């Protein structure tokens, strides 16, 4: 299920979102560097993917993060409320996928 193109947070900030495509995922894997060799690689990558969906904040373009530091900097810009809003979107998407899979069985 596609993610929404925009979300507005309770604090009034607006995020424009875009799907992370396979090329973007490869960039995130490269950015992860040594984080990909640890046990938390999947969690880091999933979290980074959610953060990297933000392409604009209040109609100001946000460059796609190319390094771990850029992922962290964007996460800090989004703040707790922004990350929680993104997690809700991705959790709802996962629940929809799980529901479809359950219906198939």
N, C-alpha and C. Protein backbone atom coordinates (compact mmCIF):
# COMPACT_ATOMS: atom_id res chain seq x y z
N UNK A 1 0.86 -1.18 0.00
CA UNK A 1 0.00 0.00 0.00
C UNK A 1 0.90 1.24 0.00
N UNK A 2 0.64 2.18 -0.87
CA UNK A 2 1.49 3.38 -0.94
C UNK A 2 1.33 4.27 0.30
N UNK A 3 2.40 4.96 0.61
CA UNK A 3 2.34 5.91 1.72
C UNK A 3 1.68 7.19 1.24
N UNK A 4 1.13 8.00 2.18
CA UNK A 4 0.53 9.27 1.75
C UNK A 4 1.61 10.21 1.22
N UNK A 5 1.22 11.15 0.39
CA UNK A 5 2.19 12.09 -0.16
C UNK A 5 2.49 13.23 0.80
N UNK A 6 1.58 13.48 1.75
CA UNK A 6 1.78 14.55 2.73
C UNK A 6 1.19 14.15 4.07
N UNK A 7 1.84 14.63 5.13
CA UNK A 7 1.25 14.52 6.46
C UNK A 7 1.47 15.86 7.16
N UNK A 8 0.53 16.22 8.01
CA UNK A 8 0.67 17.43 8.82
C UNK A 8 0.67 17.00 10.28
N UNK A 9 1.69 17.44 10.99
CA UNK A 9 1.84 17.09 12.39
C UNK A 9 0.98 18.00 13.26
N UNK A 10 0.79 17.58 14.50
CA UNK A 10 0.00 18.38 15.44
C UNK A 10 0.62 19.76 15.67
N UNK A 11 1.96 19.86 15.51
CA UNK A 11 2.62 21.16 15.71
C UNK A 11 2.55 22.05 14.47
N UNK A 12 1.85 21.57 13.42
CA UNK A 12 1.63 22.37 12.22
C UNK A 12 2.65 22.14 11.11
N UNK A 13 3.73 21.42 11.41
CA UNK A 13 4.70 21.15 10.35
C UNK A 13 4.11 20.19 9.33
N UNK A 14 4.49 20.40 8.07
CA UNK A 14 4.00 19.55 6.99
C UNK A 14 5.18 18.83 6.37
N UNK A 15 5.07 17.52 6.24
CA UNK A 15 6.08 16.70 5.58
C UNK A 15 5.52 16.22 4.25
N UNK A 16 6.30 16.38 3.20
CA UNK A 16 5.99 15.76 1.92
C UNK A 16 6.80 14.47 1.88
N UNK A 17 6.14 13.38 1.50
CA UNK A 17 6.78 12.07 1.53
C UNK A 17 6.91 11.50 0.13
N UNK A 18 7.93 10.67 -0.06
CA UNK A 18 8.08 9.94 -1.30
C UNK A 18 8.58 8.54 -0.97
N UNK A 19 8.11 7.58 -1.73
CA UNK A 19 8.54 6.20 -1.54
C UNK A 19 10.05 6.11 -1.75
N UNK A 20 10.69 5.30 -0.94
CA UNK A 20 12.11 5.01 -1.13
C UNK A 20 12.19 3.90 -2.17
N UNK A 21 12.83 4.19 -3.31
CA UNK A 21 12.91 3.19 -4.38
C UNK A 21 14.15 2.30 -4.17
N UNK A 22 14.31 1.25 -4.96
CA UNK A 22 15.43 0.34 -4.78
C UNK A 22 16.80 1.02 -4.85
N UNK A 23 16.96 2.01 -5.71
CA UNK A 23 18.23 2.73 -5.78
C UNK A 23 18.49 3.51 -4.50
N UNK A 24 17.42 4.12 -3.96
CA UNK A 24 17.54 4.83 -2.68
C UNK A 24 17.93 3.87 -1.56
N UNK A 25 17.33 2.66 -1.57
CA UNK A 25 17.67 1.67 -0.54
C UNK A 25 19.15 1.31 -0.61
N UNK A 26 19.67 1.17 -1.81
CA UNK A 26 21.10 0.87 -1.94
C UNK A 26 21.94 2.01 -1.37
N UNK A 27 21.51 3.25 -1.59
CA UNK A 27 22.21 4.40 -1.00
C UNK A 27 22.17 4.35 0.52
N UNK A 28 21.02 3.96 1.08
CA UNK A 28 20.91 3.87 2.54
C UNK A 28 21.81 2.75 3.09
N UNK A 29 21.86 1.64 2.38
CA UNK A 29 22.74 0.53 2.80
C UNK A 29 24.19 0.99 2.78
N UNK A 30 24.56 1.70 1.74
CA UNK A 30 25.93 2.23 1.65
C UNK A 30 26.18 3.23 2.78
N UNK A 31 25.19 4.08 3.06
CA UNK A 31 25.34 5.07 4.13
C UNK A 31 25.50 4.38 5.47
N UNK A 32 24.82 3.26 5.66
CA UNK A 32 24.88 2.55 6.94
C UNK A 32 26.28 2.07 7.26
N UNK A 33 27.05 1.72 6.23
CA UNK A 33 28.43 1.30 6.44
C UNK A 33 28.56 0.21 7.48
N UNK A 34 29.33 0.46 8.52
CA UNK A 34 29.61 -0.55 9.53
C UNK A 34 28.37 -0.96 10.32
N UNK A 35 27.33 -0.13 10.32
CA UNK A 35 26.10 -0.50 11.03
C UNK A 35 25.47 -1.74 10.42
N UNK A 36 25.77 -2.03 9.14
CA UNK A 36 25.19 -3.18 8.47
C UNK A 36 25.81 -4.50 8.92
N UNK A 37 26.94 -4.44 9.62
CA UNK A 37 27.58 -5.69 10.06
C UNK A 37 27.14 -6.10 11.46
N UNK A 38 26.42 -5.25 12.14
CA UNK A 38 25.98 -5.55 13.50
C UNK A 38 24.62 -6.20 13.54
N UNK A 39 24.24 -6.63 14.71
CA UNK A 39 22.96 -7.28 14.91
C UNK A 39 21.77 -6.36 14.72
N UNK A 40 22.00 -5.06 14.80
CA UNK A 40 20.90 -4.11 14.67
C UNK A 40 20.77 -3.55 13.25
N UNK A 41 21.40 -4.20 12.29
CA UNK A 41 21.40 -3.70 10.91
C UNK A 41 19.99 -3.54 10.36
N UNK A 42 19.14 -4.52 10.55
CA UNK A 42 17.78 -4.45 10.03
C UNK A 42 16.98 -3.32 10.66
N UNK A 43 17.14 -3.16 11.97
CA UNK A 43 16.42 -2.09 12.66
C UNK A 43 16.91 -0.73 12.18
N UNK A 44 18.23 -0.57 12.04
CA UNK A 44 18.79 0.71 11.59
C UNK A 44 18.27 1.04 10.20
N UNK A 45 18.31 0.06 9.32
CA UNK A 45 17.90 0.29 7.94
C UNK A 45 16.41 0.61 7.84
N UNK A 46 15.58 -0.10 8.61
CA UNK A 46 14.14 0.18 8.60
C UNK A 46 13.83 1.58 9.10
N UNK A 47 14.51 1.97 10.16
CA UNK A 47 14.33 3.31 10.73
C UNK A 47 14.81 4.37 9.75
N UNK A 48 15.96 4.15 9.15
CA UNK A 48 16.51 5.09 8.17
C UNK A 48 15.59 5.21 6.96
N UNK A 49 15.01 4.09 6.54
CA UNK A 49 14.11 4.13 5.39
C UNK A 49 12.90 5.01 5.68
N UNK A 50 12.33 4.89 6.87
CA UNK A 50 11.19 5.73 7.24
C UNK A 50 11.58 7.20 7.20
N UNK A 51 12.71 7.52 7.80
CA UNK A 51 13.19 8.91 7.85
C UNK A 51 13.43 9.45 6.45
N UNK A 52 14.00 8.61 5.58
CA UNK A 52 14.37 9.05 4.23
C UNK A 52 13.16 9.27 3.32
N UNK A 53 11.96 8.89 3.76
CA UNK A 53 10.78 9.17 2.93
C UNK A 53 10.43 10.65 2.90
N UNK A 54 10.95 11.42 3.86
CA UNK A 54 10.63 12.85 3.93
C UNK A 54 11.44 13.59 2.86
N UNK A 55 10.74 14.15 1.89
CA UNK A 55 11.42 14.86 0.80
C UNK A 55 11.29 16.38 0.92
N UNK A 56 10.33 16.84 1.75
CA UNK A 56 10.17 18.28 2.01
C UNK A 56 9.64 18.46 3.42
N UNK A 57 10.07 19.54 4.05
CA UNK A 57 9.50 19.96 5.33
C UNK A 57 8.99 21.38 5.12
N UNK A 58 7.69 21.56 5.31
CA UNK A 58 7.05 22.86 5.08
C UNK A 58 7.40 23.42 3.70
N UNK A 59 7.29 22.57 2.69
CA UNK A 59 7.51 22.91 1.28
C UNK A 59 8.96 23.27 0.94
N UNK A 60 9.89 23.00 1.85
CA UNK A 60 11.31 23.23 1.58
C UNK A 60 11.95 21.87 1.32
N UNK A 61 12.55 21.68 0.13
CA UNK A 61 13.14 20.38 -0.20
C UNK A 61 14.19 19.93 0.82
N UNK A 62 14.17 18.62 1.06
CA UNK A 62 15.13 17.97 1.95
C UNK A 62 15.95 17.01 1.09
N UNK A 63 17.26 17.19 1.03
CA UNK A 63 18.07 16.27 0.22
C UNK A 63 18.02 14.85 0.80
N UNK A 64 18.06 13.87 -0.08
CA UNK A 64 18.07 12.48 0.37
C UNK A 64 19.37 12.23 1.13
N UNK A 65 19.30 11.65 2.33
CA UNK A 65 20.52 11.44 3.12
C UNK A 65 21.44 10.41 2.49
N UNK A 66 22.72 10.74 2.40
CA UNK A 66 23.70 9.86 1.75
C UNK A 66 24.71 9.28 2.74
N UNK A 67 24.69 9.76 3.98
CA UNK A 67 25.63 9.27 4.99
C UNK A 67 24.86 9.02 6.29
N UNK A 68 25.48 8.27 7.21
CA UNK A 68 24.86 8.06 8.52
C UNK A 68 24.61 9.39 9.21
N UNK A 69 25.56 10.30 9.09
CA UNK A 69 25.41 11.60 9.74
C UNK A 69 24.22 12.36 9.18
N UNK A 70 24.00 12.27 7.86
CA UNK A 70 22.86 12.95 7.25
C UNK A 70 21.53 12.31 7.68
N UNK A 71 21.52 10.98 7.84
CA UNK A 71 20.31 10.31 8.33
C UNK A 71 20.02 10.80 9.75
N UNK A 72 21.05 10.85 10.58
CA UNK A 72 20.87 11.32 11.97
C UNK A 72 20.41 12.78 12.00
N UNK A 73 21.01 13.61 11.15
CA UNK A 73 20.63 15.02 11.13
C UNK A 73 19.16 15.19 10.72
N UNK A 74 18.73 14.43 9.73
CA UNK A 74 17.33 14.50 9.30
C UNK A 74 16.41 13.99 10.41
N UNK A 75 16.80 12.91 11.07
CA UNK A 75 16.00 12.39 12.18
C UNK A 75 15.83 13.46 13.25
N UNK A 76 16.89 14.17 13.55
CA UNK A 76 16.81 15.24 14.56
C UNK A 76 15.90 16.37 14.09
N UNK A 77 15.94 16.70 12.80
CA UNK A 77 15.04 17.74 12.28
C UNK A 77 13.59 17.32 12.40
N UNK A 78 13.32 16.04 12.16
CA UNK A 78 11.95 15.55 12.24
C UNK A 78 11.47 15.56 13.68
N UNK A 79 12.37 15.29 14.60
CA UNK A 79 12.02 15.27 16.02
C UNK A 79 11.19 14.06 16.37
N UNK A 80 10.94 13.92 17.66
CA UNK A 80 10.16 12.76 18.14
C UNK A 80 8.78 12.71 17.51
N UNK A 81 8.10 13.85 17.46
CA UNK A 81 6.73 13.84 16.92
C UNK A 81 6.71 13.47 15.44
N UNK A 82 7.72 13.91 14.70
CA UNK A 82 7.79 13.56 13.28
C UNK A 82 8.07 12.09 13.06
N UNK A 83 8.99 11.54 13.84
CA UNK A 83 9.33 10.12 13.70
C UNK A 83 8.15 9.24 14.12
N UNK A 84 7.46 9.64 15.18
CA UNK A 84 6.28 8.88 15.62
C UNK A 84 5.21 8.89 14.53
N UNK A 85 4.99 10.03 13.89
CA UNK A 85 4.00 10.12 12.81
C UNK A 85 4.38 9.19 11.66
N UNK A 86 5.67 9.15 11.30
CA UNK A 86 6.12 8.25 10.24
C UNK A 86 5.94 6.80 10.65
N UNK A 87 6.27 6.47 11.89
CA UNK A 87 6.13 5.09 12.36
C UNK A 87 4.68 4.63 12.29
N UNK A 88 3.74 5.52 12.61
CA UNK A 88 2.32 5.17 12.53
C UNK A 88 1.94 4.82 11.10
N UNK A 89 2.45 5.57 10.14
CA UNK A 89 2.16 5.29 8.73
C UNK A 89 2.70 3.93 8.34
N UNK A 90 3.94 3.67 8.71
CA UNK A 90 4.56 2.40 8.32
C UNK A 90 3.96 1.22 9.08
N UNK A 91 3.55 1.43 10.33
CA UNK A 91 2.89 0.35 11.08
C UNK A 91 1.54 0.02 10.46
N UNK A 92 0.79 1.04 10.06
CA UNK A 92 -0.50 0.83 9.41
C UNK A 92 -0.31 0.08 8.11
N UNK A 93 0.75 0.43 7.37
CA UNK A 93 1.05 -0.24 6.11
C UNK A 93 1.37 -1.71 6.37
N UNK A 94 2.16 -2.00 7.39
CA UNK A 94 2.50 -3.38 7.73
C UNK A 94 1.27 -4.16 8.14
N UNK A 95 0.36 -3.53 8.92
CA UNK A 95 -0.86 -4.20 9.34
C UNK A 95 -1.73 -4.53 8.14
N UNK A 96 -1.78 -3.62 7.15
CA UNK A 96 -2.56 -3.87 5.94
C UNK A 96 -1.97 -5.05 5.17
N UNK A 97 -0.64 -5.08 5.02
CA UNK A 97 0.02 -6.18 4.34
C UNK A 97 -0.23 -7.49 5.07
N UNK A 98 -0.13 -7.49 6.40
CA UNK A 98 -0.36 -8.69 7.19
C UNK A 98 -1.80 -9.17 7.03
N UNK A 99 -2.74 -8.23 7.01
CA UNK A 99 -4.14 -8.58 6.83
C UNK A 99 -4.42 -9.21 5.47
N UNK A 100 -3.78 -8.69 4.44
CA UNK A 100 -3.92 -9.25 3.09
C UNK A 100 -3.34 -10.66 3.06
N UNK A 101 -2.16 -10.84 3.66
CA UNK A 101 -1.53 -12.16 3.69
C UNK A 101 -2.40 -13.15 4.45
N UNK A 102 -2.99 -12.74 5.58
CA UNK A 102 -3.85 -13.62 6.35
C UNK A 102 -5.10 -14.00 5.55
N UNK A 103 -5.64 -13.05 4.80
CA UNK A 103 -6.83 -13.32 4.00
C UNK A 103 -6.53 -14.31 2.88
N UNK A 104 -5.31 -14.29 2.38
CA UNK A 104 -4.92 -15.22 1.31
C UNK A 104 -4.87 -16.66 1.82
N UNK A 105 -4.52 -16.81 3.11
CA UNK A 105 -4.36 -18.16 3.68
C UNK A 105 -5.68 -18.64 4.13
